[in-house]
Amino acid sequence: MKRVFMLMGLCALIGHTSCTSTKAETEAEAEEQTQFSVTSPMKMDTTITDDYVCQIQSINHIELRAQEKGYLQKIYVDEGQHVKKGQLLFQIMPNLYEAELKKAQAEVEFAEIEYQNTASLAERNVVAPSELAMAKAKMDKAKAEMALAKVHLQFTEIRAPFDGIIDRFHVRQGSLVDEGELLSELADNSKMWVYYNVPEAEYLDYKAKEKQDEKTEVNLLMANNQLFKYPGVVETIEADFNNETGNIPFRATFPNPDGLLRHGETGNIQMAVPLKDALLIPQKATFEVLEKKYVYVVDKNNEIKSREVTIGAELPHIYVVQKGLAENDKILLEGLRLVRENEKIRSKFVEPNKVLSQLELYAE
């Protein structure tokens, strides 16, 4: 009987010890689970990429217009065709101008004969020198009119002033065109000028950091969200700011050896902007309320307080904080949805460089 009681007491003791151990382990696990990771902003020099909407234009883009009135007799090229400098593109019916040239040539021949006869008479003092001068002037006038007739005839041929691509036609063969009427456009796409507008503050930062005799390199993100494989350089900045927008146009030049870019395309210029002593925090340490960014700051009593921050720039997985945080502030890194305002928490500090090293950071 005593053995039975002893056995029951031993079982009860083991059960109690097991329950106590399980409870302690559960409490330890719960305590471990409520320990939150915190970190601080990291101050360092880095580079951000600013995007600017841009307009792409040919380095040479001109209108081809008729220089003489007449019927469009022939079109020698097609829309979108590559042409060479000097290549014949359009022919306006030349009959009238050919007749005018023949008439001018005949008048020149007549004036030359008249001048030679007058010169012969002047040598024998039959006519006065003034009459010879008048004959010469008449001959010179006839030659000038013949040269003008040749120019008019040449104007019936519209030739390419440079290598380029023909745009769509605004007239068709057989059309009666007036002097100055638009026939088509010609674009030289060997290089492209890309225009984009930069706000005044960013322009001032750019000029402050610009190195003398060193052109800034930029990239072009095309409309299909693909990066153009050839970088461009900023070659010029226009003279005046737009008073309405507060922007100033920049112009970058891009090589276009494959002819991929065309006049009138759009895209985004990506320009690297160096930042000195920037405050960097992980994007996952922020939350948004009514389109404003906030972080949870952990004070010296381990209580959390929400604080609004102003984001100056964005990197992959990282924000550059412009206002709202100091370098020695501690912010909640994870578990933002598990805490409440003014709640006291247990925290574990993680070094900022360790936090950022695990993120996709592109810095100098």
Protein backbone atom coordinates (compact mmCIF):
# COMPACT_ATOMS: atom_id res chain seq x y z
CA MET A 1 0.00 0.00 0.00
CA LYS A 2 2.84 2.37 0.84
CA ARG A 3 4.42 1.59 -2.51
CA VAL A 4 1.21 2.63 -4.28
CA PHE A 5 1.11 5.97 -2.50
CA MET A 6 4.80 6.58 -3.20
CA LEU A 7 4.28 5.79 -6.88
CA MET A 8 1.31 8.18 -7.09
CA GLY A 9 3.30 10.96 -5.38
CA LEU A 10 6.22 10.45 -7.77
CA CYS A 11 3.92 10.72 -10.79
CA ALA A 12 2.35 13.87 -9.40
CA LEU A 13 5.80 15.39 -8.83
CA ILE A 14 6.93 14.54 -12.35
CA GLY A 15 3.69 15.96 -13.80
CA HIS A 16 4.05 19.18 -11.85
CA THR A 17 7.69 19.55 -12.90
CA SER A 18 6.79 18.92 -16.55
CA CYS A 19 3.98 21.51 -16.48
CA THR A 20 6.22 24.05 -14.80
CA SER A 21 8.94 23.46 -17.40
CA THR A 22 6.50 23.74 -20.33
CA LYS A 23 5.02 26.97 -18.93
CA ALA A 24 8.49 28.47 -18.49
CA GLU A 25 9.44 27.53 -22.05
CA THR A 26 6.22 29.04 -23.40
CA GLU A 27 6.82 32.26 -21.49
CA ALA A 28 10.41 32.38 -22.76
CA GLU A 29 9.23 31.88 -26.32
CA ALA A 30 6.57 34.57 -25.95
CA GLU A 31 9.17 36.89 -24.48
CA GLU A 32 11.48 36.15 -27.41
CA GLN A 33 8.69 36.77 -29.91
CA THR A 34 7.91 40.22 -28.50
CA GLN A 35 11.49 41.40 -28.96
CA PHE A 36 11.51 43.84 -31.89
CA SER A 37 14.44 44.83 -34.09
CA VAL A 38 15.30 48.52 -34.17
CA THR A 39 17.97 50.44 -36.06
CA SER A 40 19.08 54.02 -36.80
CA PRO A 41 19.31 56.05 -40.01
CA MET A 42 22.65 55.72 -41.72
CA LYS A 43 24.44 58.87 -42.86
CA MET A 44 26.57 58.43 -45.96
CA ASP A 45 27.38 59.83 -49.39
CA THR A 46 25.36 58.20 -52.13
CA THR A 47 23.99 58.78 -55.60
CA ILE A 48 20.37 58.89 -56.65
CA THR A 49 18.89 58.78 -60.13
CA ASP A 50 16.44 61.52 -61.05
CA ASP A 51 13.96 60.88 -63.86
CA TYR A 52 12.80 63.63 -66.24
CA VAL A 53 10.18 63.32 -68.96
CA CYS A 54 11.87 64.10 -72.26
CA GLN A 55 11.17 64.84 -75.92
CA ILE A 56 13.40 63.26 -78.57
CA GLN A 57 14.26 65.23 -81.71
CA SER A 58 16.49 64.67 -84.72
CA ILE A 59 19.72 66.63 -84.77
CA ASN A 60 18.53 67.92 -88.16
CA HIS A 61 14.84 68.03 -89.00
CA ILE A 62 13.68 70.30 -91.83
CA GLU A 63 10.66 70.93 -94.04
CA LEU A 64 10.95 70.32 -97.78
CA ARG A 65 8.99 73.01 -99.62
CA ALA A 66 8.42 73.84 -103.27
CA GLN A 67 10.53 76.77 -104.43
CA GLU A 68 8.56 77.22 -107.66
CA LYS A 69 4.91 76.97 -108.64
CA GLY A 70 3.90 74.15 -110.95
CA TYR A 71 2.66 70.59 -111.29
CA LEU A 72 4.46 67.93 -109.29
CA GLN A 73 5.69 65.84 -112.19
CA LYS A 74 7.58 63.09 -110.37
CA ILE A 75 8.27 61.74 -106.87
CA TYR A 76 11.49 59.72 -106.82
CA VAL A 77 11.41 58.40 -103.24
CA ASP A 78 8.99 56.82 -100.80
CA GLU A 79 7.88 57.73 -97.30
CA GLY A 80 10.30 56.46 -94.65
CA GLN A 81 13.09 55.95 -97.19
CA HIS A 82 16.72 56.68 -96.34
CA VAL A 83 18.18 59.18 -98.81
CA LYS A 84 21.65 60.57 -99.48
CA LYS A 85 22.78 64.17 -99.69
CA GLY A 86 22.08 65.56 -103.17
CA GLN A 87 19.63 62.80 -104.12
CA LEU A 88 16.71 63.95 -106.29
CA LEU A 89 13.45 63.73 -104.34
CA PHE A 90 10.78 65.70 -106.25
CA GLN A 91 10.51 67.16 -109.76
CA ILE A 92 8.19 70.06 -110.56
CA MET A 93 7.26 70.26 -114.27
CA PRO A 94 10.18 72.23 -115.77
CA ASN A 95 8.81 73.11 -119.26
CA LEU A 96 8.07 76.75 -118.52
CA TYR A 97 11.42 77.32 -116.83
CA GLU A 98 13.30 75.52 -119.63
CA ALA A 99 11.66 77.86 -122.14
CA GLU A 100 12.60 80.88 -120.04
CA LEU A 101 16.21 79.67 -119.92
CA LYS A 102 16.35 79.22 -123.72
CA LYS A 103 14.95 82.71 -124.16
CA ALA A 104 17.56 84.11 -121.78
CA GLN A 105 20.36 82.27 -123.61
CA ALA A 106 19.22 83.76 -126.93
CA GLU A 107 19.19 87.24 -125.44
CA VAL A 108 22.72 86.71 -124.16
CA GLU A 109 23.92 85.64 -127.61
CA PHE A 110 22.26 88.70 -129.19
CA ALA A 111 23.77 91.03 -126.58
CA GLU A 112 27.26 89.52 -127.09
CA ILE A 113 27.09 90.07 -130.87
CA GLU A 114 25.87 93.62 -130.35
CA TYR A 115 28.67 94.30 -127.90
CA GLN A 116 31.34 92.89 -130.28
CA ASN A 117 30.07 95.09 -133.15
CA THR A 118 30.03 98.16 -130.94
CA ALA A 119 33.53 97.39 -129.69
CA SER A 120 34.78 97.14 -133.30
CA LEU A 121 33.25 100.50 -134.13
CA ALA A 122 34.64 102.05 -130.98
CA GLU A 123 38.16 100.97 -131.96
CA ARG A 124 37.81 102.99 -135.17
CA ASN A 125 36.30 105.92 -133.24
CA VAL A 126 33.03 105.51 -135.13
CA VAL A 127 30.97 105.43 -131.90
CA ALA A 128 31.53 107.13 -128.57
CA PRO A 129 32.93 105.17 -125.60
CA SER A 130 29.66 105.68 -123.78
CA GLU A 131 27.81 103.68 -126.40
CA LEU A 132 30.26 100.81 -125.91
CA ALA A 133 29.67 100.95 -122.15
CA MET A 134 25.91 100.75 -122.72
CA ALA A 135 26.34 97.71 -124.98
CA LYS A 136 28.44 96.00 -122.30
CA ALA A 137 25.85 96.79 -119.64
CA LYS A 138 23.13 95.32 -121.85
CA MET A 139 25.18 92.15 -122.30
CA ASP A 140 25.83 91.85 -118.55
CA LYS A 141 22.13 92.26 -117.86
CA ALA A 142 21.28 89.48 -120.32
CA LYS A 143 23.82 87.17 -118.65
CA ALA A 144 22.35 87.95 -115.21
CA GLU A 145 18.85 87.13 -116.46
CA MET A 146 20.14 83.86 -117.91
CA ALA A 147 21.71 82.97 -114.55
CA LEU A 148 18.41 83.73 -112.85
CA ALA A 149 16.57 81.53 -115.34
CA LYS A 150 19.00 78.69 -114.55
CA VAL A 151 18.27 79.09 -110.83
CA HIS A 152 14.52 78.94 -111.45
CA LEU A 153 15.02 75.78 -113.47
CA GLN A 154 17.16 74.24 -110.71
CA PHE A 155 14.39 75.05 -108.22
CA THR A 156 12.10 72.63 -110.05
CA GLU A 157 14.30 69.85 -108.63
CA ILE A 158 14.07 69.33 -104.88
CA ARG A 159 17.17 67.47 -103.67
CA ALA A 160 18.17 66.22 -100.21
CA PRO A 161 20.42 68.76 -98.44
CA PHE A 162 21.81 65.99 -96.15
CA ASP A 163 21.52 62.27 -95.48
CA GLY A 164 18.29 61.44 -93.73
CA ILE A 165 14.85 59.80 -93.70
CA ILE A 166 11.88 61.09 -95.68
CA ASP A 167 8.70 61.70 -93.69
CA ARG A 168 5.15 61.33 -95.04
CA PHE A 169 4.14 63.19 -98.21
CA HIS A 170 1.78 66.16 -97.97
CA VAL A 171 1.14 66.21 -101.74
CA ARG A 172 0.79 63.56 -104.44
CA GLN A 173 2.22 63.24 -107.91
CA GLY A 174 0.29 65.44 -110.35
CA SER A 175 -0.71 67.99 -107.71
CA LEU A 176 -0.46 71.68 -108.51
CA VAL A 177 1.82 73.11 -105.86
CA ASP A 178 2.35 76.73 -104.98
CA GLU A 179 5.67 78.33 -104.20
CA GLY A 180 6.53 77.55 -100.57
CA GLU A 181 4.05 74.66 -100.25
CA LEU A 182 5.09 71.86 -97.87
CA LEU A 183 6.00 68.62 -99.67
CA SER A 184 7.49 66.51 -96.85
CA GLU A 185 10.05 66.57 -94.02
CA LEU A 186 13.59 65.23 -93.85
CA ALA A 187 15.17 63.99 -90.60
CA ASP A 188 18.83 63.29 -89.87
CA ASN A 189 18.70 60.68 -87.10
CA SER A 190 22.42 59.91 -86.90
CA LYS A 191 22.37 61.74 -83.56
CA MET A 192 19.41 62.75 -81.44
CA TRP A 193 18.79 65.79 -79.31
CA VAL A 194 16.83 64.97 -76.17
CA TYR A 195 15.20 67.87 -74.31
CA TYR A 196 14.03 67.70 -70.69
CA ASN A 197 13.04 70.26 -68.06
CA VAL A 198 14.91 70.60 -64.76
CA PRO A 199 13.45 72.47 -61.73
CA GLU A 200 15.33 75.51 -60.50
CA ALA A 201 16.55 73.94 -57.24
CA GLU A 202 17.94 70.90 -59.05
CA TYR A 203 19.54 73.14 -61.68
CA LEU A 204 21.38 75.05 -58.94
CA ASP A 205 22.55 71.78 -57.35
CA TYR A 206 23.70 70.56 -60.75
CA LYS A 207 25.70 73.72 -61.48
CA ALA A 208 27.26 73.62 -58.01
CA LYS A 209 28.52 70.08 -58.55
CA GLU A 210 29.35 70.41 -62.25
CA LYS A 211 33.01 69.92 -63.05
CA GLN A 212 34.61 72.26 -65.52
CA ASP A 213 35.23 70.82 -69.01
CA GLU A 214 33.50 67.57 -68.02
CA LYS A 215 30.16 66.72 -69.59
CA THR A 216 27.52 64.95 -67.52
CA GLU A 217 26.53 61.50 -68.79
CA VAL A 218 22.83 60.55 -68.78
CA ASN A 219 20.76 57.53 -69.79
CA LEU A 220 17.52 57.28 -71.74
CA LEU A 221 14.62 55.10 -70.63
CA MET A 222 12.48 54.51 -73.71
CA ALA A 223 8.69 54.29 -73.87
CA ASN A 224 8.80 50.47 -73.68
CA ASN A 225 10.57 50.78 -70.30
CA GLN A 226 13.84 49.55 -71.82
CA LEU A 227 17.13 51.42 -71.34
CA PHE A 228 18.65 52.78 -74.55
CA LYS A 229 22.03 51.07 -74.84
CA TYR A 230 24.02 54.18 -75.76
CA PRO A 231 24.51 56.84 -73.05
CA GLY A 232 24.21 60.52 -73.90
CA VAL A 233 25.88 63.66 -72.62
CA VAL A 234 24.41 66.98 -71.49
CA GLU A 235 25.76 69.49 -73.99
CA THR A 236 23.75 72.63 -73.39
CA ILE A 237 21.30 74.39 -71.07
CA GLU A 238 18.94 77.02 -72.43
CA ALA A 239 19.32 80.65 -71.38
CA ASP A 240 16.05 81.33 -69.56
CA PHE A 241 13.75 79.72 -67.00
CA ASN A 242 10.09 79.27 -67.79
CA ASN A 243 8.36 81.69 -65.40
CA GLU A 244 5.19 79.59 -65.32
CA THR A 245 6.78 76.22 -64.48
CA GLY A 246 10.05 77.30 -62.84
CA ASN A 247 11.96 74.88 -65.08
CA ILE A 248 14.87 75.28 -67.46
CA PRO A 249 15.39 73.02 -70.50
CA PHE A 250 18.49 70.82 -70.71
CA ARG A 251 19.60 69.21 -73.98
CA ALA A 252 21.45 65.89 -74.12
CA THR A 253 22.93 64.41 -77.29
CA PHE A 254 22.67 60.66 -77.94
CA PRO A 255 24.38 58.65 -80.70
CA ASN A 256 21.90 56.67 -82.78
CA PRO A 257 23.96 54.33 -84.98
CA ASP A 258 21.21 51.68 -85.18
CA GLY A 259 18.54 54.23 -86.10
CA LEU A 260 16.28 53.04 -83.28
CA LEU A 261 15.34 56.53 -82.10
CA ARG A 262 13.07 58.66 -84.28
CA HIS A 263 12.05 62.30 -84.24
CA GLY A 264 9.09 62.95 -81.91
CA GLU A 265 9.58 59.99 -79.56
CA THR A 266 9.23 60.40 -75.80
CA GLY A 267 10.92 58.79 -72.83
CA ASN A 268 12.62 59.57 -69.54
CA ILE A 269 16.10 60.90 -68.96
CA GLN A 270 17.89 59.30 -66.02
CA MET A 271 20.51 61.58 -64.50
CA ALA A 272 22.72 60.61 -61.56
CA VAL A 273 22.70 63.17 -58.73
CA PRO A 274 25.31 62.81 -55.94
CA LEU A 275 24.06 63.32 -52.36
CA LYS A 276 26.42 64.18 -49.53
CA ASP A 277 25.68 63.05 -45.95
CA ALA A 278 22.31 61.59 -46.89
CA LEU A 279 20.19 59.92 -44.18
CA LEU A 280 19.16 56.47 -45.39
CA ILE A 281 16.48 54.21 -43.92
CA PRO A 282 14.90 50.97 -45.20
CA GLN A 283 11.59 51.44 -46.96
CA LYS A 284 10.12 48.60 -44.88
CA ALA A 285 10.60 50.72 -41.72
CA THR A 286 7.96 53.20 -42.94
CA PHE A 287 4.19 53.16 -43.16
CA GLU A 288 1.74 55.45 -44.88
CA VAL A 289 -1.25 57.39 -43.55
CA LEU A 290 -3.19 59.69 -45.88
CA GLU A 291 -0.31 59.75 -48.39
CA LYS A 292 2.18 60.78 -45.70
CA LYS A 293 5.14 58.67 -44.62
CA TYR A 294 5.68 57.76 -40.95
CA VAL A 295 8.15 55.74 -38.88
CA TYR A 296 7.95 54.44 -35.33
CA VAL A 297 10.65 56.07 -33.19
CA VAL A 298 11.72 54.18 -30.03
CA ASP A 299 12.52 56.60 -27.18
CA LYS A 300 14.86 56.08 -24.21
CA ASN A 301 12.03 54.40 -22.24
CA ASN A 302 11.50 51.90 -25.08
CA GLU A 303 8.14 53.44 -25.90
CA ILE A 304 7.24 53.84 -29.55
CA LYS A 305 6.03 57.13 -31.06
CA SER A 306 4.94 57.62 -34.65
CA ARG A 307 6.72 60.45 -36.46
CA GLU A 308 6.15 61.90 -39.93
CA VAL A 309 9.17 61.95 -42.23
CA THR A 310 9.76 63.76 -45.53
CA ILE A 311 11.26 61.59 -48.25
CA GLY A 312 13.78 63.41 -50.42
CA ALA A 313 14.60 60.59 -52.82
CA GLU A 314 14.05 56.90 -53.38
CA LEU A 315 16.55 54.11 -54.00
CA PRO A 316 15.81 50.39 -54.41
CA HIS A 317 14.33 49.37 -51.01
CA ILE A 318 15.72 52.55 -49.38
CA TYR A 319 14.46 56.06 -48.70
CA VAL A 320 16.58 59.19 -48.40
CA VAL A 321 15.06 61.15 -45.51
CA GLN A 322 14.98 64.87 -46.04
CA LYS A 323 13.27 65.88 -42.79
CA GLY A 324 11.92 64.25 -39.63
CA LEU A 325 14.79 62.09 -38.38
CA ALA A 326 18.26 62.53 -36.89
CA GLU A 327 21.20 60.19 -37.20
CA ASN A 328 20.97 58.99 -33.58
CA ASP A 329 17.22 58.27 -33.61
CA LYS A 330 16.14 54.67 -33.17
CA ILE A 331 13.36 53.43 -35.43
CA LEU A 332 11.35 50.23 -35.46
CA LEU A 333 12.61 48.00 -38.26
CA GLU A 334 10.07 45.19 -38.31
CA GLY A 335 6.68 44.30 -36.84
CA LEU A 336 5.10 47.69 -37.50
CA ARG A 337 1.63 46.14 -37.58
CA LEU A 338 2.11 44.39 -34.25
CA VAL A 339 2.58 47.50 -32.12
CA ARG A 340 0.46 50.44 -31.00
CA GLU A 341 1.24 54.10 -30.30
CA ASN A 342 2.95 54.67 -26.91
CA GLU A 343 3.38 50.93 -26.37
CA LYS A 344 6.46 49.84 -24.45
CA ILE A 345 8.42 47.15 -26.23
CA ARG A 346 11.51 45.02 -25.83
CA SER A 347 13.99 45.85 -28.58
CA LYS A 348 17.14 44.51 -30.12
CA PHE A 349 19.38 47.03 -31.89
CA VAL A 350 20.71 46.12 -35.34
CA GLU A 351 23.58 48.15 -36.77
CA PRO A 352 22.46 50.34 -39.72
CA ASN A 353 25.29 49.17 -41.98
CA LYS A 354 24.24 45.56 -41.42
CA VAL A 355 20.62 46.41 -42.25
CA LEU A 356 21.51 48.30 -45.43
CA SER A 357 24.03 45.70 -46.57
CA GLN A 358 21.16 43.25 -46.91
CA LEU A 359 19.28 45.60 -49.24
CA GLU A 360 19.90 46.51 -52.89
CA LEU A 361 21.84 49.72 -52.36
CA TYR A 362 23.76 51.48 -55.11
CA ALA A 363 26.02 54.00 -53.43
CA GLU A 364 29.34 55.64 -53.88
